[in-house]
All heavy atoms as atom14 arrays in JSON, in Angstrom:
{
  "sequence": "EKMGYSVKSGNLQLQATLQPKKVVIDALLPLTIAKEETKSFEKFQ",
  "atom14_mask": [
    [1, 1, 1, 1, 1, 1, 1, 1, 1, 0, 0, 0, 0, 0],
    [1, 1, 1, 1, 1, 1, 1, 1, 1, 0, 0, 0, 0, 0],
    [1, 1, 1, 1, 1, 1, 1, 1, 0, 0, 0, 0, 0, 0],
    [1, 1, 1, 1, 0, 0, 0, 0, 0, 0, 0, 0, 0, 0],
    [1, 1, 1, 1, 1, 1, 1, 1, 1, 1, 1, 1, 0, 0],
    [1, 1, 1, 1, 1, 1, 0, 0, 0, 0, 0, 0, 0, 0],
    [1, 1, 1, 1, 1, 1, 1, 0, 0, 0, 0, 0, 0, 0],
    [1, 1, 1, 1, 1, 1, 1, 1, 1, 0, 0, 0, 0, 0],
    [1, 1, 1, 1, 1, 1, 0, 0, 0, 0, 0, 0, 0, 0],
    [1, 1, 1, 1, 0, 0, 0, 0, 0, 0, 0, 0, 0, 0],
    [1, 1, 1, 1, 1, 1, 1, 1, 0, 0, 0, 0, 0, 0],
    [1, 1, 1, 1, 1, 1, 1, 1, 0, 0, 0, 0, 0, 0],
    [1, 1, 1, 1, 1, 1, 1, 1, 1, 0, 0, 0, 0, 0],
    [1, 1, 1, 1, 1, 1, 1, 1, 0, 0, 0, 0, 0, 0],
    [1, 1, 1, 1, 1, 1, 1, 1, 1, 0, 0, 0, 0, 0],
    [1, 1, 1, 1, 1, 0, 0, 0, 0, 0, 0, 0, 0, 0],
    [1, 1, 1, 1, 1, 1, 1, 0, 0, 0, 0, 0, 0, 0],
    [1, 1, 1, 1, 1, 1, 1, 1, 0, 0, 0, 0, 0, 0],
    [1, 1, 1, 1, 1, 1, 1, 1, 1, 0, 0, 0, 0, 0],
    [1, 1, 1, 1, 1, 1, 1, 0, 0, 0, 0, 0, 0, 0],
    [1, 1, 1, 1, 1, 1, 1, 1, 1, 0, 0, 0, 0, 0],
    [1, 1, 1, 1, 1, 1, 1, 1, 1, 0, 0, 0, 0, 0],
    [1, 1, 1, 1, 1, 1, 1, 0, 0, 0, 0, 0, 0, 0],
    [1, 1, 1, 1, 1, 1, 1, 0, 0, 0, 0, 0, 0, 0],
    [1, 1, 1, 1, 1, 1, 1, 1, 0, 0, 0, 0, 0, 0],
    [1, 1, 1, 1, 1, 1, 1, 1, 0, 0, 0, 0, 0, 0],
    [1, 1, 1, 1, 1, 0, 0, 0, 0, 0, 0, 0, 0, 0],
    [1, 1, 1, 1, 1, 1, 1, 1, 0, 0, 0, 0, 0, 0],
    [1, 1, 1, 1, 1, 1, 1, 1, 0, 0, 0, 0, 0, 0],
    [1, 1, 1, 1, 1, 1, 1, 0, 0, 0, 0, 0, 0, 0],
    [1, 1, 1, 1, 1, 1, 1, 1, 0, 0, 0, 0, 0, 0],
    [1, 1, 1, 1, 1, 1, 1, 0, 0, 0, 0, 0, 0, 0],
    [1, 1, 1, 1, 1, 1, 1, 1, 0, 0, 0, 0, 0, 0],
    [1, 1, 1, 1, 1, 0, 0, 0, 0, 0, 0, 0, 0, 0],
    [1, 1, 1, 1, 1, 1, 1, 1, 1, 0, 0, 0, 0, 0],
    [1, 1, 1, 1, 1, 1, 1, 1, 1, 0, 0, 0, 0, 0],
    [1, 1, 1, 1, 1, 1, 1, 1, 1, 0, 0, 0, 0, 0],
    [1, 1, 1, 1, 1, 1, 1, 0, 0, 0, 0, 0, 0, 0],
    [1, 1, 1, 1, 1, 1, 1, 1, 1, 0, 0, 0, 0, 0],
    [1, 1, 1, 1, 1, 1, 0, 0, 0, 0, 0, 0, 0, 0],
    [1, 1, 1, 1, 1, 1, 1, 1, 1, 1, 1, 0, 0, 0],
    [1, 1, 1, 1, 1, 1, 1, 1, 1, 0, 0, 0, 0, 0],
    [1, 1, 1, 1, 1, 1, 1, 1, 1, 0, 0, 0, 0, 0],
    [1, 1, 1, 1, 1, 1, 1, 1, 1, 1, 1, 0, 0, 0],
    [1, 1, 1, 1, 1, 1, 1, 1, 1, 0, 0, 0, 0, 0]
  ],
  "atom14_positions": [
    [[9.53, -0.82, 11.97], [10.63, -1.66, 12.44], [11.13, -1.3, 13.82], [11.48, -2.15, 14.69], [11.66, -1.81, 11.36], [11.23, -2.58, 10.09], [12.23, -2.6, 9.06], [13.17, -1.75, 9.07], [12.13, -3.38, 8.19], [0.0, 0.0, 0.0], [0.0, 0.0, 0.0], [0.0, 0.0, 0.0], [0.0, 0.0, 0.0], [0.0, 0.0, 0.0]],
    [[11.17, 0.07, 14.01], [11.61, 0.52, 15.4], [10.62, 0.11, 16.43], [10.92, 0.07, 17.61], [11.77, 2.04, 15.29], [12.99, 2.59, 14.53], [13.0, 4.05, 14.56], [14.29, 4.52, 13.87], [14.39, 6.03, 13.83], [0.0, 0.0, 0.0], [0.0, 0.0, 0.0], [0.0, 0.0, 0.0], [0.0, 0.0, 0.0], [0.0, 0.0, 0.0]],
    [[9.28, -0.04, 16.05], [8.28, -0.35, 17.01], [8.17, -1.96, 17.11], [7.32, -2.43, 17.81], [6.95, 0.16, 16.6], [6.89, 1.65, 16.57], [5.51, 2.37, 15.75], [4.18, 1.78, 16.86], [0.0, 0.0, 0.0], [0.0, 0.0, 0.0], [0.0, 0.0, 0.0], [0.0, 0.0, 0.0], [0.0, 0.0, 0.0], [0.0, 0.0, 0.0]],
    [[9.09, -2.69, 16.49], [9.08, -4.06, 16.65], [8.31, -4.86, 15.64], [8.09, -6.08, 15.71], [0.0, 0.0, 0.0], [0.0, 0.0, 0.0], [0.0, 0.0, 0.0], [0.0, 0.0, 0.0], [0.0, 0.0, 0.0], [0.0, 0.0, 0.0], [0.0, 0.0, 0.0], [0.0, 0.0, 0.0], [0.0, 0.0, 0.0], [0.0, 0.0, 0.0]],
    [[7.92, -4.12, 14.61], [7.04, -4.87, 13.51], [7.97, -5.47, 12.51], [9.08, -4.99, 12.17], [6.15, -3.83, 12.72], [4.86, -3.48, 13.62], [4.94, -2.48, 14.49], [3.73, -4.17, 13.42], [3.78, -2.14, 15.22], [2.5, -3.83, 14.13], [2.6, -2.88, 14.98], [1.51, -2.39, 15.7], [0.0, 0.0, 0.0], [0.0, 0.0, 0.0]],
    [[7.55, -6.58, 11.95], [8.2, -7.21, 10.75], [7.47, -6.64, 9.57], [6.25, -6.75, 9.51], [8.2, -8.71, 10.88], [8.59, -9.34, 9.59], [0.0, 0.0, 0.0], [0.0, 0.0, 0.0], [0.0, 0.0, 0.0], [0.0, 0.0, 0.0], [0.0, 0.0, 0.0], [0.0, 0.0, 0.0], [0.0, 0.0, 0.0], [0.0, 0.0, 0.0]],
    [[8.21, -6.24, 8.63], [7.65, -5.54, 7.47], [8.21, -6.18, 6.14], [9.33, -6.33, 5.87], [7.95, -4.07, 7.32], [7.34, -3.4, 6.12], [7.49, -3.33, 8.59], [0.0, 0.0, 0.0], [0.0, 0.0, 0.0], [0.0, 0.0, 0.0], [0.0, 0.0, 0.0], [0.0, 0.0, 0.0], [0.0, 0.0, 0.0], [0.0, 0.0, 0.0]],
    [[7.21, -6.69, 5.24], [7.55, -7.27, 4.05], [6.7, -6.53, 2.93], [5.57, -6.18, 3.11], [7.24, -8.77, 3.97], [8.12, -9.6, 4.85], [7.69, -11.03, 4.78], [8.57, -11.93, 5.75], [8.2, -13.42, 5.67], [0.0, 0.0, 0.0], [0.0, 0.0, 0.0], [0.0, 0.0, 0.0], [0.0, 0.0, 0.0], [0.0, 0.0, 0.0]],
    [[7.41, -6.18, 1.82], [6.79, -5.36, 0.78], [7.2, -5.78, -0.63], [8.26, -6.3, -0.75], [6.95, -3.86, 1.0], [8.35, -3.58, 0.83], [0.0, 0.0, 0.0], [0.0, 0.0, 0.0], [0.0, 0.0, 0.0], [0.0, 0.0, 0.0], [0.0, 0.0, 0.0], [0.0, 0.0, 0.0], [0.0, 0.0, 0.0], [0.0, 0.0, 0.0]],
    [[6.4, -5.44, -1.57], [6.67, -5.66, -2.96], [7.01, -4.29, -3.69], [7.17, -3.29, -2.93], [0.0, 0.0, 0.0], [0.0, 0.0, 0.0], [0.0, 0.0, 0.0], [0.0, 0.0, 0.0], [0.0, 0.0, 0.0], [0.0, 0.0, 0.0], [0.0, 0.0, 0.0], [0.0, 0.0, 0.0], [0.0, 0.0, 0.0], [0.0, 0.0, 0.0]],
    [[6.99, -4.32, -5.0], [7.29, -3.07, -5.76], [5.98, -2.21, -5.88], [4.89, -2.72, -5.99], [7.78, -3.47, -7.14], [9.11, -4.16, -7.07], [9.99, -3.91, -6.25], [9.41, -5.1, -7.97], [0.0, 0.0, 0.0], [0.0, 0.0, 0.0], [0.0, 0.0, 0.0], [0.0, 0.0, 0.0], [0.0, 0.0, 0.0], [0.0, 0.0, 0.0]],
    [[6.25, -0.94, -5.96], [5.17, 0.0, -6.04], [4.73, 0.18, -7.51], [5.68, 0.45, -8.36], [5.56, 1.31, -5.51], [4.62, 2.53, -5.7], [3.28, 2.3, -5.06], [5.25, 3.91, -5.35], [0.0, 0.0, 0.0], [0.0, 0.0, 0.0], [0.0, 0.0, 0.0], [0.0, 0.0, 0.0], [0.0, 0.0, 0.0], [0.0, 0.0, 0.0]],
    [[3.47, 0.12, -7.85], [2.92, 0.45, -9.16], [1.83, 1.51, -8.84], [0.87, 1.32, -8.11], [2.26, -0.74, -9.8], [3.23, -1.92, -9.99], [2.61, -3.15, -10.72], [1.92, -2.98, -11.61], [2.79, -4.3, -10.12], [0.0, 0.0, 0.0], [0.0, 0.0, 0.0], [0.0, 0.0, 0.0], [0.0, 0.0, 0.0], [0.0, 0.0, 0.0]],
    [[1.98, 2.57, -9.59], [1.14, 3.76, -9.33], [0.74, 4.49, -10.64], [1.53, 4.57, -11.47], [1.78, 4.77, -8.37], [0.95, 5.97, -7.88], [1.37, 6.32, -6.39], [1.2, 7.22, -8.79], [0.0, 0.0, 0.0], [0.0, 0.0, 0.0], [0.0, 0.0, 0.0], [0.0, 0.0, 0.0], [0.0, 0.0, 0.0], [0.0, 0.0, 0.0]],
    [[-0.53, 4.88, -10.67], [-1.07, 5.51, -11.88], [-2.06, 6.6, -11.51], [-2.95, 6.32, -10.78], [-1.69, 4.57, -12.87], [-2.19, 5.12, -14.12], [-1.18, 5.8, -14.98], [-0.18, 5.17, -15.28], [-1.4, 7.1, -15.35], [0.0, 0.0, 0.0], [0.0, 0.0, 0.0], [0.0, 0.0, 0.0], [0.0, 0.0, 0.0], [0.0, 0.0, 0.0]],
    [[-1.81, 7.8, -12.04], [-2.84, 8.86, -11.85], [-3.72, 8.99, -13.11], [-3.2, 8.86, -14.25], [-2.13, 10.18, -11.62], [0.0, 0.0, 0.0], [0.0, 0.0, 0.0], [0.0, 0.0, 0.0], [0.0, 0.0, 0.0], [0.0, 0.0, 0.0], [0.0, 0.0, 0.0], [0.0, 0.0, 0.0], [0.0, 0.0, 0.0], [0.0, 0.0, 0.0]],
    [[-5.03, 9.21, -12.9], [-5.9, 9.32, -14.03], [-6.83, 10.51, -13.89], [-7.41, 10.78, -12.85], [-6.99, 8.09, -14.12], [-6.09, 6.9, -14.15], [-7.82, 8.11, -15.31], [0.0, 0.0, 0.0], [0.0, 0.0, 0.0], [0.0, 0.0, 0.0], [0.0, 0.0, 0.0], [0.0, 0.0, 0.0], [0.0, 0.0, 0.0], [0.0, 0.0, 0.0]],
    [[-6.93, 11.29, -14.92], [-7.78, 12.47, -14.96], [-9.16, 12.12, -15.3], [-9.33, 11.42, -16.32], [-7.26, 13.51, -15.96], [-5.82, 14.09, -15.82], [-5.67, 15.33, -16.74], [-5.48, 14.45, -14.43], [0.0, 0.0, 0.0], [0.0, 0.0, 0.0], [0.0, 0.0, 0.0], [0.0, 0.0, 0.0], [0.0, 0.0, 0.0], [0.0, 0.0, 0.0]],
    [[-10.06, 12.53, -14.5], [-11.51, 12.2, -14.71], [-12.31, 13.54, -14.49], [-11.77, 14.37, -13.96], [-12.06, 11.1, -13.81], [-11.36, 9.78, -13.92], [-11.83, 8.71, -12.99], [-12.94, 8.87, -12.51], [-11.17, 7.6, -12.86], [0.0, 0.0, 0.0], [0.0, 0.0, 0.0], [0.0, 0.0, 0.0], [0.0, 0.0, 0.0], [0.0, 0.0, 0.0]],
    [[-13.46, 13.61, -15.09], [-14.23, 14.78, -14.89], [-14.34, 15.25, -13.49], [-14.8, 14.48, -12.6], [-15.61, 14.44, -15.53], [-15.36, 13.43, -16.56], [-14.2, 12.6, -15.93], [0.0, 0.0, 0.0], [0.0, 0.0, 0.0], [0.0, 0.0, 0.0], [0.0, 0.0, 0.0], [0.0, 0.0, 0.0], [0.0, 0.0, 0.0], [0.0, 0.0, 0.0]],
    [[-13.87, 16.41, -13.16], [-13.89, 17.02, -11.85], [-13.03, 16.39, -10.79], [-13.11, 16.78, -9.62], [-15.4, 17.08, -11.37], [-16.28, 17.96, -12.25], [-17.67, 18.01, -11.64], [-18.61, 18.8, -12.55], [-20.02, 18.92, -12.08], [0.0, 0.0, 0.0], [0.0, 0.0, 0.0], [0.0, 0.0, 0.0], [0.0, 0.0, 0.0], [0.0, 0.0, 0.0]],
    [[-12.17, 15.5, -11.14], [-11.39, 14.83, -10.11], [-10.13, 14.17, -10.78], [-10.07, 13.91, -11.91], [-12.12, 13.83, -9.38], [-12.67, 12.64, -10.17], [-13.53, 11.73, -9.33], [-14.09, 10.63, -10.15], [-15.07, 9.79, -9.31], [0.0, 0.0, 0.0], [0.0, 0.0, 0.0], [0.0, 0.0, 0.0], [0.0, 0.0, 0.0], [0.0, 0.0, 0.0]],
    [[-9.12, 13.93, -9.83], [-7.96, 13.14, -10.21], [-8.03, 11.94, -9.38], [-8.11, 12.04, -8.06], [-6.7, 13.93, -10.05], [-5.53, 13.06, -10.36], [-6.68, 15.16, -10.85], [0.0, 0.0, 0.0], [0.0, 0.0, 0.0], [0.0, 0.0, 0.0], [0.0, 0.0, 0.0], [0.0, 0.0, 0.0], [0.0, 0.0, 0.0], [0.0, 0.0, 0.0]],
    [[-7.88, 10.74, -9.9], [-7.87, 9.48, -9.18], [-6.42, 8.87, -9.23], [-5.94, 8.77, -10.34], [-8.87, 8.5, -9.6], [-8.87, 7.22, -8.89], [-10.33, 9.13, -9.59], [0.0, 0.0, 0.0], [0.0, 0.0, 0.0], [0.0, 0.0, 0.0], [0.0, 0.0, 0.0], [0.0, 0.0, 0.0], [0.0, 0.0, 0.0], [0.0, 0.0, 0.0]],
    [[-5.87, 8.57, -8.09], [-4.56, 7.94, -8.05], [-4.72, 6.58, -7.4], [-5.17, 6.52, -6.34], [-3.57, 8.84, -7.21], [-3.48, 10.23, -7.73], [-2.19, 8.22, -7.33], [-2.65, 11.14, -6.93], [0.0, 0.0, 0.0], [0.0, 0.0, 0.0], [0.0, 0.0, 0.0], [0.0, 0.0, 0.0], [0.0, 0.0, 0.0], [0.0, 0.0, 0.0]],
    [[-4.41, 5.55, -8.25], [-4.37, 4.18, -7.7], [-2.96, 3.6, -7.59], [-2.1, 3.93, -8.48], [-5.15, 3.29, -8.73], [-6.65, 3.61, -8.75], [-7.34, 3.42, -7.71], [-7.19, 4.12, -9.79], [0.0, 0.0, 0.0], [0.0, 0.0, 0.0], [0.0, 0.0, 0.0], [0.0, 0.0, 0.0], [0.0, 0.0, 0.0], [0.0, 0.0, 0.0]],
    [[-2.76, 2.83, -6.59], [-1.49, 2.24, -6.37], [-1.62, 0.79, -5.88], [-2.58, 0.43, -5.19], [-0.75, 3.01, -5.29], [0.0, 0.0, 0.0], [0.0, 0.0, 0.0], [0.0, 0.0, 0.0], [0.0, 0.0, 0.0], [0.0, 0.0, 0.0], [0.0, 0.0, 0.0], [0.0, 0.0, 0.0], [0.0, 0.0, 0.0], [0.0, 0.0, 0.0]],
    [[-0.69, 0.04, -6.39], [-0.56, -1.35, -5.85], [0.73, -1.5, -5.15], [1.79, -1.2, -5.81], [-0.52, -2.4, -7.15], [-1.91, -2.63, -7.75], [-1.73, -3.55, -9.0], [-2.87, -3.29, -6.79], [0.0, 0.0, 0.0], [0.0, 0.0, 0.0], [0.0, 0.0, 0.0], [0.0, 0.0, 0.0], [0.0, 0.0, 0.0], [0.0, 0.0, 0.0]],
    [[0.72, -1.88, -3.92], [1.92, -1.99, -3.09], [1.66, -3.14, -2.1], [1.19, -2.91, -1.02], [2.22, -0.72, -2.33], [3.43, -0.63, -1.43], [4.63, -0.98, -2.2], [3.52, 0.58, -0.69], [0.0, 0.0, 0.0], [0.0, 0.0, 0.0], [0.0, 0.0, 0.0], [0.0, 0.0, 0.0], [0.0, 0.0, 0.0], [0.0, 0.0, 0.0]],
    [[2.04, -4.33, -2.52], [1.92, -5.51, -1.58], [2.64, -5.19, -0.29], [3.91, -4.96, -0.29], [2.52, -6.7, -2.32], [2.45, -6.28, -3.82], [2.64, -4.74, -3.75], [0.0, 0.0, 0.0], [0.0, 0.0, 0.0], [0.0, 0.0, 0.0], [0.0, 0.0, 0.0], [0.0, 0.0, 0.0], [0.0, 0.0, 0.0], [0.0, 0.0, 0.0]],
    [[1.98, -5.25, 0.92], [2.59, -4.94, 2.14], [2.05, -5.76, 3.28], [0.83, -5.94, 3.37], [2.32, -3.41, 2.4], [2.6, -2.92, 3.84], [4.12, -2.99, 4.14], [2.22, -1.5, 3.95], [0.0, 0.0, 0.0], [0.0, 0.0, 0.0], [0.0, 0.0, 0.0], [0.0, 0.0, 0.0], [0.0, 0.0, 0.0], [0.0, 0.0, 0.0]],
    [[2.89, -6.31, 4.0], [2.52, -7.13, 5.17], [3.25, -6.76, 6.41], [4.54, -6.55, 6.37], [2.8, -8.74, 4.95], [2.03, -9.08, 3.86], [2.38, -9.49, 6.12], [0.0, 0.0, 0.0], [0.0, 0.0, 0.0], [0.0, 0.0, 0.0], [0.0, 0.0, 0.0], [0.0, 0.0, 0.0], [0.0, 0.0, 0.0], [0.0, 0.0, 0.0]],
    [[2.58, -6.43, 7.5], [3.26, -6.09, 8.76], [2.73, -7.14, 9.82], [1.58, -7.56, 9.86], [2.83, -4.65, 9.21], [1.39, -4.51, 9.45], [3.25, -3.62, 8.11], [0.99, -3.13, 10.08], [0.0, 0.0, 0.0], [0.0, 0.0, 0.0], [0.0, 0.0, 0.0], [0.0, 0.0, 0.0], [0.0, 0.0, 0.0], [0.0, 0.0, 0.0]],
    [[3.7, -7.47, 10.65], [3.41, -8.54, 11.71], [4.08, -8.15, 12.94], [5.25, -7.69, 13.05], [3.87, -9.85, 11.16], [0.0, 0.0, 0.0], [0.0, 0.0, 0.0], [0.0, 0.0, 0.0], [0.0, 0.0, 0.0], [0.0, 0.0, 0.0], [0.0, 0.0, 0.0], [0.0, 0.0, 0.0], [0.0, 0.0, 0.0], [0.0, 0.0, 0.0]],
    [[3.29, -8.4, 14.1], [3.75, -8.23, 15.36], [3.08, -9.33, 16.2], [3.34, -10.43, 16.24], [3.69, -6.78, 16.0], [4.47, -6.6, 17.2], [4.43, -5.03, 17.58], [5.23, -4.76, 18.83], [5.12, -3.36, 19.18], [0.0, 0.0, 0.0], [0.0, 0.0, 0.0], [0.0, 0.0, 0.0], [0.0, 0.0, 0.0], [0.0, 0.0, 0.0]],
    [[2.04, -8.82, 16.94], [1.12, -9.76, 17.72], [0.18, -10.38, 16.7], [-0.28, -11.49, 16.88], [0.44, -9.04, 18.84], [1.35, -8.45, 19.89], [0.73, -7.74, 21.01], [-0.54, -7.52, 20.78], [1.33, -7.39, 21.93], [0.0, 0.0, 0.0], [0.0, 0.0, 0.0], [0.0, 0.0, 0.0], [0.0, 0.0, 0.0], [0.0, 0.0, 0.0]],
    [[-0.12, -9.62, 15.65], [-0.98, -10.1, 14.62], [-0.47, -9.73, 13.25], [0.34, -8.85, 13.2], [-2.47, -9.67, 14.77], [-2.59, -8.12, 14.74], [-4.0, -7.71, 14.91], [-4.86, -8.45, 14.43], [-4.21, -6.57, 15.31], [0.0, 0.0, 0.0], [0.0, 0.0, 0.0], [0.0, 0.0, 0.0], [0.0, 0.0, 0.0], [0.0, 0.0, 0.0]],
    [[-0.96, -10.33, 12.21], [-0.44, -10.01, 10.83], [-1.51, -9.4, 10.08], [-2.67, -9.73, 10.09], [-0.05, -11.31, 10.1], [0.97, -12.01, 10.83], [0.45, -11.01, 8.75], [0.0, 0.0, 0.0], [0.0, 0.0, 0.0], [0.0, 0.0, 0.0], [0.0, 0.0, 0.0], [0.0, 0.0, 0.0], [0.0, 0.0, 0.0], [0.0, 0.0, 0.0]],
    [[-1.08, -8.2, 9.39], [-2.02, -7.46, 8.55], [-1.46, -7.32, 7.16], [-0.17, -7.03, 6.99], [-2.27, -6.07, 9.09], [-3.0, -6.09, 10.51], [-3.25, -4.68, 10.96], [-3.93, -4.61, 12.26], [-4.23, -3.25, 12.75], [0.0, 0.0, 0.0], [0.0, 0.0, 0.0], [0.0, 0.0, 0.0], [0.0, 0.0, 0.0], [0.0, 0.0, 0.0]],
    [[-2.23, -7.52, 6.11], [-1.79, -7.38, 4.78], [-2.63, -6.27, 4.01], [-3.71, -6.08, 4.28], [-1.92, -8.75, 4.09], [-1.05, -9.76, 4.65], [0.0, 0.0, 0.0], [0.0, 0.0, 0.0], [0.0, 0.0, 0.0], [0.0, 0.0, 0.0], [0.0, 0.0, 0.0], [0.0, 0.0, 0.0], [0.0, 0.0, 0.0], [0.0, 0.0, 0.0]],
    [[-1.85, -5.57, 3.11], [-2.41, -4.54, 2.32], [-1.94, -4.61, 0.93], [-0.83, -5.21, 0.67], [-2.09, -3.16, 2.88], [-2.34, -2.96, 4.39], [-1.34, -3.38, 5.31], [-3.54, -2.5, 4.81], [-1.6, -3.21, 6.67], [-3.79, -2.34, 6.24], [-2.8, -2.73, 7.1], [0.0, 0.0, 0.0], [0.0, 0.0, 0.0], [0.0, 0.0, 0.0]],
    [[-2.66, -4.17, 0.02], [-2.19, -4.19, -1.43], [-2.7, -2.95, -2.26], [-1.84, -2.31, -2.9], [-2.7, -5.44, -2.11], [-2.14, -5.57, -3.52], [-2.54, -6.9, -4.18], [-3.49, -7.49, -3.66], [-1.86, -7.3, -5.15], [0.0, 0.0, 0.0], [0.0, 0.0, 0.0], [0.0, 0.0, 0.0], [0.0, 0.0, 0.0], [0.0, 0.0, 0.0]],
    [[-3.92, -2.64, -2.18], [-4.49, -1.57, -3.07], [-4.68, -0.37, -2.25], [-5.25, -0.4, -1.14], [-5.81, -2.07, -3.61], [-5.75, -3.2, -4.62], [-7.05, -3.59, -5.25], [-6.83, -4.74, -6.22], [-8.11, -5.12, -6.81], [0.0, 0.0, 0.0], [0.0, 0.0, 0.0], [0.0, 0.0, 0.0], [0.0, 0.0, 0.0], [0.0, 0.0, 0.0]],
    [[-4.23, 0.8, -2.85], [-4.4, 2.11, -2.24], [-4.98, 3.12, -3.22], [-4.72, 2.91, -4.41], [-3.01, 2.59, -1.62], [-2.37, 1.75, -0.78], [-1.64, 0.65, -1.26], [-2.46, 1.86, 0.61], [-0.88, -0.18, -0.33], [-1.85, 1.06, 1.5], [-1.16, -0.02, 1.07], [0.0, 0.0, 0.0], [0.0, 0.0, 0.0], [0.0, 0.0, 0.0]],
    [[-5.78, 4.01, -2.8], [-6.33, 5.03, -3.71], [-6.49, 6.36, -3.06], [-6.88, 6.49, -1.85], [-7.76, 4.51, -4.22], [-8.31, 5.46, -5.32], [-9.7, 4.9, -5.81], [-10.72, 5.17, -5.17], [-9.64, 4.19, -6.88], [0.0, 0.0, 0.0], [0.0, 0.0, 0.0], [0.0, 0.0, 0.0], [0.0, 0.0, 0.0], [0.0, 0.0, 0.0]]
  ]
}
């Protein structure tokens, strides 16, 4: 926002899962940033 972006977001949903030899963390976070162009994000891992 200090850089002039418009930011819209939803609620964070996050879950960690133990799997053989690794830990996987998945997150849902609806996110849209806009300035000269608009970018949207939702799934993170």
